[in-house]
N, C-alpha and C. Protein backbone atom coordinates (compact mmCIF):
# COMPACT_ATOMS: atom_id res chain seq x y z
N MET A 1 84.73 98.55 95.72
CA MET A 1 85.74 98.28 95.74
C MET A 1 85.90 97.51 94.33
N ASN A 2 85.68 96.34 94.25
CA ASN A 2 86.58 95.32 93.34
C ASN A 2 85.18 95.85 92.20
N LYS A 3 83.96 95.31 92.93
CA LYS A 3 82.96 95.25 92.20
C LYS A 3 82.82 95.95 91.70
N GLN A 4 82.95 97.28 91.46
CA GLN A 4 83.19 99.15 90.88
C GLN A 4 83.65 99.03 89.90
N LEU A 5 85.15 98.23 90.13
CA LEU A 5 86.00 98.07 88.70
C LEU A 5 85.32 96.77 87.28
N ILE A 6 85.29 95.96 88.60
CA ILE A 6 84.59 94.69 87.82
C ILE A 6 83.29 95.67 86.93
N ALA A 7 82.53 95.87 86.78
CA ALA A 7 81.37 96.89 87.01
C ALA A 7 81.86 97.37 85.60
N ALA A 8 82.88 98.50 86.62
CA ALA A 8 82.91 99.17 85.16
C ALA A 8 83.72 98.81 83.66
N ALA A 9 84.95 97.81 83.93
CA ALA A 9 85.10 96.57 82.44
C ALA A 9 83.83 96.01 81.62
N GLU A 10 82.62 95.84 82.70
CA GLU A 10 82.22 95.15 82.03
C GLU A 10 81.44 95.94 81.21
N ARG A 11 80.80 97.35 81.59
CA ARG A 11 80.48 98.56 80.81
C ARG A 11 81.84 99.05 79.09
N GLY A 12 83.09 98.80 79.79
CA GLY A 12 83.85 99.45 78.70
C GLY A 12 84.45 99.85 79.65
N ASP A 13 84.35 100.66 80.57
CA ASP A 13 84.33 102.33 80.87
C ASP A 13 86.03 102.45 81.30
N THR A 14 87.08 102.42 80.24
CA THR A 14 88.29 102.14 80.55
C THR A 14 88.75 103.13 81.75
N ALA A 15 88.67 105.13 81.36
CA ALA A 15 89.03 105.41 82.38
C ALA A 15 88.83 105.02 83.67
N GLU A 16 87.54 104.76 84.50
CA GLU A 16 86.49 104.56 85.09
C GLU A 16 87.22 102.80 86.36
N VAL A 17 88.15 102.10 85.02
CA VAL A 17 88.93 100.96 85.40
C VAL A 17 90.33 101.21 85.89
N LEU A 18 90.66 102.61 85.60
CA LEU A 18 91.88 102.99 85.29
C LEU A 18 92.10 103.60 86.34
N ARG A 19 91.08 104.25 87.34
CA ARG A 19 90.90 105.45 88.10
C ARG A 19 90.97 104.53 89.33
N LEU A 20 90.16 103.28 89.09
CA LEU A 20 89.94 102.75 90.41
C LEU A 20 90.93 102.24 90.73
N LEU A 21 91.22 101.48 89.63
CA LEU A 21 93.28 100.00 89.61
C LEU A 21 93.92 101.33 90.88
N GLU A 22 93.81 102.27 90.30
CA GLU A 22 95.01 103.67 91.34
C GLU A 22 94.82 103.87 92.00
N ALA A 23 93.56 103.52 93.14
CA ALA A 23 92.42 103.91 94.01
C ALA A 23 93.11 102.61 95.15
N GLY A 24 92.89 101.65 93.93
CA GLY A 24 93.50 100.38 94.99
C GLY A 24 92.51 99.10 95.02
N ALA A 25 90.88 98.95 94.05
CA ALA A 25 90.85 98.30 94.20
C ALA A 25 91.94 96.92 93.47
N ASP A 26 91.44 96.21 92.97
CA ASP A 26 91.83 94.37 93.27
C ASP A 26 92.32 94.01 91.71
N ILE A 27 93.04 94.13 90.93
CA ILE A 27 92.94 93.70 89.35
C ILE A 27 92.29 91.96 88.58
N GLN A 28 92.97 91.19 89.78
CA GLN A 28 92.85 90.53 89.92
C GLN A 28 91.12 89.54 90.74
N ALA A 29 90.70 90.99 91.59
CA ALA A 29 89.21 90.46 92.33
C ALA A 29 88.29 89.35 91.67
N GLN A 30 87.33 88.68 91.50
CA GLN A 30 86.91 88.44 91.06
C GLN A 30 84.79 88.44 91.55
N ASP A 31 83.90 87.74 90.96
CA ASP A 31 82.93 88.66 91.68
C ASP A 31 82.11 87.44 91.88
N GLU A 32 80.53 87.51 92.04
CA GLU A 32 80.60 86.29 92.36
C GLU A 32 80.09 84.84 91.64
N SER A 33 80.49 85.45 90.14
CA SER A 33 80.51 83.99 88.82
C SER A 33 82.13 84.28 88.44
N GLY A 34 82.34 84.70 89.68
CA GLY A 34 84.10 84.35 89.01
C GLY A 34 84.54 85.51 87.82
N ARG A 35 84.46 86.18 87.64
CA ARG A 35 84.26 86.63 86.51
C ARG A 35 85.47 87.87 87.02
N THR A 36 86.74 88.34 86.91
CA THR A 36 87.64 88.88 86.49
C THR A 36 87.13 90.64 86.25
N ALA A 37 87.69 91.26 86.42
CA ALA A 37 87.27 92.40 85.34
C ALA A 37 87.90 92.65 83.61
N VAL A 38 89.14 91.45 83.93
CA VAL A 38 89.34 91.79 82.22
C VAL A 38 88.49 90.46 81.79
N ALA A 39 87.69 89.33 81.96
CA ALA A 39 87.44 89.03 81.79
C ALA A 39 85.77 89.54 81.55
N ALA A 40 85.12 90.51 82.63
CA ALA A 40 83.90 90.75 82.56
C ALA A 40 84.42 91.64 81.40
N ALA A 41 85.17 92.30 81.01
CA ALA A 41 85.15 92.90 79.71
C ALA A 41 85.76 92.75 78.35
N ALA A 42 85.83 91.07 78.33
CA ALA A 42 85.64 90.34 76.95
C ALA A 42 84.75 89.82 77.38
N TYR A 43 84.10 90.08 78.14
CA TYR A 43 82.56 89.54 77.62
C TYR A 43 82.02 90.66 77.22
N GLY A 44 82.00 91.82 77.13
CA GLY A 44 81.50 92.92 77.01
C GLY A 44 81.39 93.34 75.32
N ASN A 45 82.76 92.45 74.87
CA ASN A 45 83.51 92.48 73.49
C ASN A 45 84.27 93.91 73.60
N HIS A 46 84.78 94.25 75.05
CA HIS A 46 85.49 95.55 75.02
C HIS A 46 87.20 95.60 74.87
N ALA A 47 87.49 95.32 73.71
CA ALA A 47 88.54 95.16 73.21
C ALA A 47 90.23 96.52 73.80
N GLU A 48 89.47 97.89 74.11
CA GLU A 48 90.39 99.13 74.54
C GLU A 48 90.67 98.41 76.26
N THR A 49 89.42 98.31 76.56
CA THR A 49 89.09 98.08 78.43
C THR A 49 90.38 96.71 78.79
N VAL A 50 90.31 96.14 77.50
CA VAL A 50 91.06 94.28 78.21
C VAL A 50 92.09 94.76 77.67
N GLU A 51 92.68 95.39 76.66
CA GLU A 51 94.10 96.13 76.41
C GLU A 51 94.09 96.92 77.61
N ALA A 52 94.17 98.07 77.82
CA ALA A 52 94.31 98.54 79.60
C ALA A 52 94.50 97.61 80.70
N LEU A 53 93.71 96.69 80.93
CA LEU A 53 93.81 95.59 82.60
C LEU A 53 95.23 94.42 81.42
N ILE A 54 95.32 94.28 81.07
CA ILE A 54 96.05 93.52 80.38
C ILE A 54 97.84 94.15 80.24
N ALA A 55 97.82 95.27 80.47
CA ALA A 55 99.09 96.18 80.90
C ALA A 55 99.07 96.81 82.31
N GLN A 56 97.90 96.50 82.88
CA GLN A 56 98.27 96.95 83.84
C GLN A 56 98.54 95.59 84.89
N GLY A 57 98.88 94.65 84.39
CA GLY A 57 99.12 93.36 84.51
C GLY A 57 97.49 92.43 85.56
N ALA A 58 96.27 92.09 84.58
CA ALA A 58 95.57 91.59 85.02
C ALA A 58 95.75 90.44 84.38
N ASP A 59 95.40 89.13 84.98
CA ASP A 59 95.41 87.86 84.68
C ASP A 59 94.28 86.73 83.44
N ILE A 60 94.96 87.29 82.74
CA ILE A 60 93.80 86.82 81.50
C ILE A 60 94.10 84.91 81.71
N ASN A 61 94.13 84.93 82.89
CA ASN A 61 94.74 82.65 82.53
C ASN A 61 93.10 82.57 83.37
N ILE A 62 92.62 83.11 84.43
CA ILE A 62 91.61 83.15 85.40
C ILE A 62 90.65 82.67 85.20
N ARG A 63 90.06 81.41 85.03
CA ARG A 63 88.07 81.52 84.25
C ARG A 63 87.76 82.05 85.88
N ASP A 64 86.11 81.73 85.86
CA ASP A 64 84.54 82.09 85.96
C ASP A 64 84.47 80.35 87.04
N ARG A 65 83.78 80.64 87.13
CA ARG A 65 82.39 79.66 87.34
C ARG A 65 81.98 78.71 86.27
N MET A 66 82.04 79.48 85.14
CA MET A 66 81.64 78.61 83.68
C MET A 66 82.88 77.85 82.79
N LEU A 67 84.35 78.53 83.32
CA LEU A 67 85.10 77.85 83.10
C LEU A 67 85.62 78.57 81.71
N ASN A 68 85.64 80.07 81.58
CA ASN A 68 85.49 80.83 81.12
C ASN A 68 86.86 81.48 80.75
N ASN A 69 87.67 81.59 80.30
CA ASN A 69 87.97 83.00 80.62
C ASN A 69 88.27 83.89 79.72
N VAL A 70 89.20 85.16 78.94
CA VAL A 70 89.39 85.80 78.17
C VAL A 70 89.36 85.11 76.66
N LEU A 71 90.40 84.13 76.80
CA LEU A 71 90.50 83.72 75.12
C LEU A 71 89.68 82.41 75.03
N LEU A 72 89.49 81.66 75.73
CA LEU A 72 88.57 81.22 75.59
C LEU A 72 87.29 81.59 75.54
N TYR A 73 86.77 82.37 75.96
CA TYR A 73 85.33 83.95 75.38
C TYR A 73 85.52 84.12 74.51
N ALA A 74 86.55 85.15 74.46
CA ALA A 74 87.15 85.36 73.37
C ALA A 74 86.86 84.52 71.76
N GLY A 75 87.50 83.34 72.29
CA GLY A 75 87.59 82.83 71.08
C GLY A 75 85.63 81.98 70.45
N ALA A 76 85.48 81.72 71.11
CA ALA A 76 84.10 81.26 71.20
C ALA A 76 83.31 82.51 70.68
N SER A 77 83.13 83.24 71.33
CA SER A 77 82.67 84.37 70.12
C SER A 77 82.83 85.01 69.29
N GLY A 78 84.20 84.63 68.79
CA GLY A 78 84.70 85.71 67.65
C GLY A 78 84.96 87.08 67.65
N TYR A 79 85.89 86.75 68.69
CA TYR A 79 86.21 88.74 69.16
C TYR A 79 88.03 88.29 69.04
N LEU A 80 87.99 88.76 67.36
CA LEU A 80 89.55 88.73 66.87
C LEU A 80 89.88 89.35 67.81
N ASP A 81 89.73 90.28 67.97
CA ASP A 81 90.86 91.89 68.53
C ASP A 81 91.24 91.10 69.70
N ILE A 82 90.33 90.74 70.96
CA ILE A 82 89.91 90.54 71.72
C ILE A 82 91.84 89.01 72.18
N VAL A 83 91.10 88.03 71.49
CA VAL A 83 91.88 86.59 71.26
C VAL A 83 93.19 87.26 70.69
N LYS A 84 93.89 87.95 70.21
CA LYS A 84 94.99 88.65 69.49
C LYS A 84 95.23 89.26 70.69
N MET A 85 94.95 90.19 71.61
CA MET A 85 95.62 90.68 72.71
C MET A 85 95.91 89.47 73.84
N ALA A 86 94.90 88.63 74.36
CA ALA A 86 94.82 87.26 74.62
C ALA A 86 96.26 86.03 74.36
N VAL A 87 96.64 86.25 73.18
CA VAL A 87 98.12 85.20 72.36
C VAL A 87 98.44 86.08 73.11
N GLU A 88 98.83 87.44 72.29
CA GLU A 88 100.20 88.21 72.47
C GLU A 88 100.41 88.29 73.97
N ALA A 89 99.64 88.35 75.00
CA ALA A 89 100.03 88.40 76.30
C ALA A 89 100.48 87.27 77.21
N GLY A 90 100.23 86.14 76.13
CA GLY A 90 100.32 84.82 76.39
C GLY A 90 99.53 84.13 77.03
N ALA A 91 98.71 84.20 76.46
CA ALA A 91 97.40 83.22 77.43
C ALA A 91 97.73 81.50 76.90
N ASP A 92 97.30 81.05 78.03
CA ASP A 92 98.07 80.14 78.06
C ASP A 92 96.65 78.80 77.85
N THR A 93 97.61 78.32 76.03
CA THR A 93 95.96 77.55 75.15
C THR A 93 96.01 76.76 75.91
N THR A 94 96.19 75.89 76.33
CA THR A 94 95.76 74.31 76.88
C THR A 94 94.31 74.63 78.64
N LEU A 95 94.75 75.53 78.76
CA LEU A 95 93.04 75.84 79.29
C LEU A 95 91.85 75.45 78.68
N THR A 96 91.14 75.17 79.09
CA THR A 96 90.03 74.18 78.14
C THR A 96 88.31 74.88 79.41
N ASN A 97 87.50 74.61 78.29
CA ASN A 97 85.80 75.13 78.55
C ASN A 97 85.26 74.38 79.41
N ARG A 98 84.36 74.70 79.94
CA ARG A 98 83.99 73.86 80.32
C ARG A 98 83.25 72.34 79.75
N TYR A 99 83.62 71.96 78.44
CA TYR A 99 83.14 71.16 77.64
C TYR A 99 84.82 70.51 77.24
N GLY A 100 85.52 70.79 78.04
CA GLY A 100 86.44 70.27 77.66
C GLY A 100 87.73 70.83 77.03
N GLY A 101 87.14 71.53 76.24
CA GLY A 101 87.39 72.50 74.70
C GLY A 101 88.68 74.00 75.44
N THR A 102 89.87 73.84 73.61
CA THR A 102 90.20 75.12 73.66
C THR A 102 89.80 76.09 73.46
N ALA A 103 90.29 77.28 73.06
CA ALA A 103 89.31 77.81 72.54
C ALA A 103 89.43 77.89 70.88
N LEU A 104 89.67 77.00 70.57
CA LEU A 104 89.58 76.79 68.89
C LEU A 104 88.90 75.86 69.01
N ILE A 105 88.48 74.69 69.14
CA ILE A 105 86.90 73.82 69.25
C ILE A 105 86.16 74.77 68.98
N PRO A 106 85.15 76.23 69.41
CA PRO A 106 83.76 76.66 69.54
C PRO A 106 84.23 77.12 68.78
N ALA A 107 85.67 77.71 68.09
CA ALA A 107 85.87 78.87 67.67
C ALA A 107 85.39 78.36 65.66
N ALA A 108 85.65 76.93 66.06
CA ALA A 108 85.67 76.28 64.62
C ALA A 108 84.05 75.63 64.52
N ASP A 109 83.43 75.61 65.67
CA ASP A 109 81.94 75.29 65.03
C ASP A 109 81.49 76.36 64.71
N ARG A 110 81.50 77.13 65.53
CA ARG A 110 80.32 78.23 65.35
C ARG A 110 80.84 79.04 64.21
N GLY A 111 81.66 78.44 63.00
CA GLY A 111 82.52 79.73 61.38
C GLY A 111 83.36 80.70 62.56
N HIS A 112 83.75 81.05 63.23
CA HIS A 112 84.07 81.85 63.67
C HIS A 112 85.61 82.40 62.84
N VAL A 113 85.83 81.91 61.08
CA VAL A 113 87.23 81.42 60.44
C VAL A 113 88.85 82.52 60.54
N GLU A 114 88.65 84.36 61.09
CA GLU A 114 89.04 84.90 61.22
C GLU A 114 89.90 83.84 62.91
N VAL A 115 88.95 84.02 63.66
CA VAL A 115 89.61 83.47 64.51
C VAL A 115 90.61 82.29 64.43
N VAL A 116 90.14 81.52 64.15
CA VAL A 116 90.69 79.89 64.09
C VAL A 116 91.77 79.80 63.03
N LYS A 117 92.08 80.89 62.15
CA LYS A 117 93.02 81.18 61.27
C LYS A 117 94.22 81.61 61.96
N TYR A 118 93.39 82.66 63.27
CA TYR A 118 94.82 82.90 63.42
C TYR A 118 95.58 82.93 64.81
N LEU A 119 94.38 81.79 65.57
CA LEU A 119 94.59 80.47 66.09
C LEU A 119 95.92 79.68 65.83
N LEU A 120 95.17 78.88 64.52
CA LEU A 120 96.21 78.20 64.21
C LEU A 120 97.94 78.80 63.85
N GLU A 121 97.76 80.08 62.91
CA GLU A 121 99.21 80.05 62.75
C GLU A 121 99.35 80.99 63.98
N HIS A 122 99.35 81.95 64.90
CA HIS A 122 100.11 82.86 65.92
C HIS A 122 99.81 82.04 67.17
N SER A 123 99.41 80.79 67.07
CA SER A 123 99.09 80.05 68.64
C SER A 123 100.24 79.21 69.17
N ASP A 124 99.83 78.41 69.53
CA ASP A 124 100.97 76.82 69.99
C ASP A 124 99.87 76.43 70.26
N VAL A 125 98.22 76.94 70.66
CA VAL A 125 97.23 76.12 70.71
C VAL A 125 96.71 74.19 69.72
N ASP A 126 96.16 72.95 70.66
CA ASP A 126 97.02 71.55 70.19
C ASP A 126 95.98 72.06 68.67
N ILE A 127 95.96 71.54 67.90
CA ILE A 127 95.11 71.57 66.78
C ILE A 127 94.18 70.30 66.66
N ASP A 128 94.85 69.33 67.62
CA ASP A 128 93.82 68.13 67.86
C ASP A 128 93.24 67.60 69.10
N HIS A 129 93.02 68.12 69.91
CA HIS A 129 92.72 68.50 70.90
C HIS A 129 90.60 67.75 70.82
N ILE A 130 91.21 66.98 71.77
CA ILE A 130 89.55 66.06 72.32
C ILE A 130 89.10 66.05 73.12
N ASN A 131 87.55 66.98 73.05
CA ASN A 131 87.01 67.30 74.79
C ASN A 131 86.08 66.53 75.25
N ASN A 132 85.81 67.08 76.30
CA ASN A 132 84.48 65.27 76.79
C ASN A 132 83.99 65.30 75.84
N LEU A 133 82.86 65.73 74.62
CA LEU A 133 82.34 65.21 74.31
C LEU A 133 83.43 64.18 73.04
N GLY A 134 84.76 63.80 73.04
CA GLY A 134 85.43 63.08 71.94
C GLY A 134 85.43 63.50 70.32
N TRP A 135 85.11 65.20 70.50
CA TRP A 135 85.29 65.88 69.75
C TRP A 135 86.82 66.63 69.65
N THR A 136 86.58 66.64 68.41
CA THR A 136 88.19 67.45 67.54
C THR A 136 87.53 69.01 67.36
N ALA A 137 88.50 69.79 66.74
CA ALA A 137 88.44 70.70 66.19
C ALA A 137 87.76 70.86 64.63
N LEU A 138 88.27 70.03 64.15
CA LEU A 138 87.85 69.48 62.46
C LEU A 138 86.22 68.67 62.75
N LEU A 139 86.78 67.78 63.82
CA LEU A 139 84.85 67.07 64.09
C LEU A 139 83.97 67.93 64.22
N GLU A 140 84.11 68.70 65.31
CA GLU A 140 82.94 70.12 65.59
C GLU A 140 82.42 70.73 64.36
N ALA A 141 83.77 70.83 63.36
CA ALA A 141 83.12 71.55 61.85
C ALA A 141 82.10 71.20 61.50
N VAL A 142 82.34 70.31 61.60
CA VAL A 142 81.83 69.23 60.32
C VAL A 142 80.32 68.87 60.81
N ILE A 143 80.50 68.34 62.84
CA ILE A 143 79.17 67.84 62.54
C ILE A 143 78.15 68.58 63.57
N LEU A 144 78.62 69.90 63.65
CA LEU A 144 77.91 71.47 64.41
C LEU A 144 77.75 72.16 63.57
N GLY A 145 78.58 72.36 62.36
CA GLY A 145 78.88 73.22 61.38
C GLY A 145 77.26 72.90 60.29
N ASP A 146 77.45 73.55 59.39
CA ASP A 146 76.28 74.14 58.59
C ASP A 146 76.60 73.52 56.58
N GLY A 147 77.83 73.58 56.63
CA GLY A 147 78.39 73.48 55.83
C GLY A 147 79.17 74.02 55.00
N GLY A 148 78.52 75.72 55.20
CA GLY A 148 79.20 76.45 54.10
C GLY A 148 80.01 77.00 53.67
N GLU A 149 80.36 78.13 53.56
CA GLU A 149 80.89 78.24 52.85
C GLU A 149 81.86 78.79 54.14
N ARG A 150 81.89 79.07 55.33
CA ARG A 150 82.44 79.56 56.52
C ARG A 150 82.77 78.61 56.98
N HIS A 151 82.31 77.36 57.10
CA HIS A 151 82.71 76.15 58.12
C HIS A 151 83.91 75.48 56.61
N GLN A 152 83.14 75.30 55.33
CA GLN A 152 84.24 74.82 54.46
C GLN A 152 86.60 75.19 54.62
N THR A 153 85.93 76.90 54.69
CA THR A 153 87.13 77.39 54.82
C THR A 153 87.71 76.96 56.39
N ILE A 154 87.26 76.47 56.77
CA ILE A 154 87.77 76.05 58.38
C ILE A 154 88.04 74.54 58.57
N VAL A 155 87.75 74.03 58.15
CA VAL A 155 87.70 72.74 57.66
C VAL A 155 89.67 72.29 56.70
N LYS A 156 89.54 73.32 56.04
CA LYS A 156 90.62 73.65 54.45
C LYS A 156 91.26 74.29 56.11
N LEU A 157 91.45 75.65 56.14
CA LEU A 157 92.50 75.68 57.49
C LEU A 157 93.08 74.54 58.14
N LEU A 158 92.12 74.25 59.01
CA LEU A 158 92.71 73.25 59.97
C LEU A 158 93.69 71.70 59.23
N LEU A 159 93.39 71.31 58.13
CA LEU A 159 93.66 70.42 57.43
C LEU A 159 95.03 70.57 56.92
N THR A 160 94.99 72.14 55.89
CA THR A 160 96.16 72.70 55.63
C THR A 160 97.32 73.16 56.88
N HIS A 161 96.91 72.87 58.14
CA HIS A 161 97.71 73.17 59.54
C HIS A 161 97.83 71.54 60.44
N GLY A 162 97.25 70.80 59.76
CA GLY A 162 97.69 69.37 59.63
C GLY A 162 97.20 68.55 60.50
N ALA A 163 95.57 68.87 60.83
CA ALA A 163 94.66 67.99 61.54
C ALA A 163 94.61 67.02 60.58
N ASP A 164 94.59 65.86 61.60
CA ASP A 164 94.74 64.79 61.70
C ASP A 164 93.01 64.37 60.92
N PRO A 165 92.65 64.03 59.67
CA PRO A 165 91.72 63.60 59.38
C PRO A 165 90.89 62.24 60.02
N ALA A 166 92.03 61.48 60.64
CA ALA A 166 91.93 60.25 61.36
C ALA A 166 90.99 59.75 62.11
N ILE A 167 91.55 61.15 63.03
CA ILE A 167 90.68 60.99 63.94
C ILE A 167 89.04 60.84 64.31
N ALA A 168 88.82 59.12 65.02
CA ALA A 168 87.13 59.59 64.91
C ALA A 168 86.24 60.52 66.13
N ASP A 169 84.94 60.37 66.09
CA ASP A 169 84.56 60.27 67.59
C ASP A 169 84.50 59.37 67.75
N ARG A 170 83.96 59.21 69.57
CA ARG A 170 83.95 58.16 70.43
C ARG A 170 83.29 56.90 69.48
N GLU A 171 82.01 56.63 68.02
CA GLU A 171 81.87 55.72 68.07
C GLU A 171 82.32 55.36 67.29
N GLY A 172 83.58 55.83 66.38
CA GLY A 172 84.36 55.71 65.16
C GLY A 172 83.95 56.03 63.99
N ILE A 173 83.09 57.70 63.78
CA ILE A 173 82.55 57.66 62.43
C ILE A 173 83.40 59.10 62.35
N THR A 174 84.19 58.87 61.84
CA THR A 174 85.62 59.67 60.80
C THR A 174 85.03 61.41 60.54
N PRO A 175 85.38 62.10 60.45
CA PRO A 175 84.75 63.40 59.90
C PRO A 175 84.64 63.56 58.43
N LEU A 176 84.85 62.53 57.73
CA LEU A 176 84.92 61.83 56.72
C LEU A 176 83.06 61.80 56.67
N ALA A 177 82.93 60.87 57.73
CA ALA A 177 81.94 59.61 57.63
C ALA A 177 80.98 61.36 57.57
N HIS A 178 80.89 61.55 58.51
CA HIS A 178 80.19 62.95 58.38
C HIS A 178 79.53 63.63 58.26
N ALA A 179 80.54 63.95 57.19
CA ALA A 179 80.16 65.05 55.98
C ALA A 179 79.77 64.56 55.20
N GLN A 180 80.30 63.46 55.01
CA GLN A 180 79.57 62.66 53.88
C GLN A 180 77.49 61.82 54.32
N SER A 181 77.73 61.90 55.22
CA SER A 181 76.06 61.31 55.62
C SER A 181 75.34 62.24 56.08
N GLN A 182 76.34 64.00 56.29
CA GLN A 182 75.11 64.94 56.25
C GLN A 182 74.90 65.34 55.16
N GLY A 183 76.05 65.35 53.45
CA GLY A 183 75.19 65.77 52.12
C GLY A 183 76.32 67.10 52.47
N PHE A 184 77.91 66.74 53.36
CA PHE A 184 78.79 68.33 52.78
C PHE A 184 79.56 67.75 52.39
N THR A 185 79.52 67.77 50.38
CA THR A 185 80.23 67.32 49.29
C THR A 185 81.26 68.00 49.41
N GLU A 186 81.42 69.37 49.49
CA GLU A 186 83.07 70.06 49.77
C GLU A 186 83.42 69.99 50.39
N MET A 187 82.62 69.79 52.02
CA MET A 187 83.59 68.84 52.93
C MET A 187 84.37 67.75 52.67
N ALA A 188 83.74 66.63 52.39
CA ALA A 188 83.68 65.54 52.32
C ALA A 188 84.85 65.12 50.86
N ALA A 189 84.78 66.09 49.88
CA ALA A 189 86.18 65.93 49.26
C ALA A 189 86.90 66.44 49.57
N MET A 190 87.57 67.43 49.47
CA MET A 190 88.39 68.08 50.54
C MET A 190 88.90 67.03 52.10
N LEU A 191 88.22 66.51 52.90
CA LEU A 191 88.77 65.51 53.77
C LEU A 191 89.36 63.81 53.26
N GLU A 192 88.05 63.81 52.21
CA GLU A 192 88.84 62.68 51.35
C GLU A 192 90.54 62.75 50.53
N THR A 193 90.97 63.88 50.33
CA THR A 193 91.83 64.11 49.81
C THR A 193 92.86 63.95 51.21
N ALA A 194 92.50 64.50 52.62
CA ALA A 194 93.62 64.99 52.97
C ALA A 194 93.28 63.56 53.96
N SER A 195 92.93 62.61 53.79
CA SER A 195 92.66 60.98 54.82
C SER A 195 94.12 60.19 53.60
N ARG A 196 93.38 60.15 51.99
CA ARG A 196 94.87 60.25 51.00
C ARG A 196 96.19 60.13 51.22
N SER A 197 96.26 61.07 51.83
CA SER A 197 97.66 61.91 51.75
C SER A 197 98.60 61.46 52.42
C-alpha cells in the first residue's frame, strides 16, 4: 500500500493519495530511492498533492538517496508554488543537497528568479552558505549563469539582501573577477559597486 501511495503521489492523484492514507498507508514511507509520497509529488510538480500531504502531516524534510527533499528539489527545479508551501510548512532551510548546497544555490545558478526572491524574502536561508565546491549562491549565479537578464536580476537580489561579494572561491577568485573574466559587464558593474560599499 505504501508503494501505491508513493506512485499515486508521483502521478498527482490527490484523491487516491487521500484514500490510501485513510486505508492506513504510512505517509512517511520511502521507496527504493528514498522518496516519500510528498517528495514524489514534488518531483512531479504536483502542488495540489504536495499541499494535501503536508496537511496530512507529511515530513517535508526527509531527504532521498540523492539528498533531495521537497524544498531542495522544488528550489532547484524552479517550482515556486511548492517552494512556498515547503517554507510555510516550516522546511529546514539548513538541509543541503548532494553538493552541500541549500535550496537557494541551485535556484540562483539555474536562473529561477522568483524562487530566489521568495527564499530571500520569506525564509531564513543562509545567503552566504558555501557548498562542497566552495561556492556561494552569488558565485554560482556568476560562474554557472549565462550573464543574461535573469542571472543579472539574481545577482542584484542577492546583493540587495546582503550577500557578501568578497567571498571568493577556493582559488581566491571573487564573484567580481569571475564576472569580468566571463565578460559579464552588467554583473561586474553591480559587483564592483557592492564591493566598494
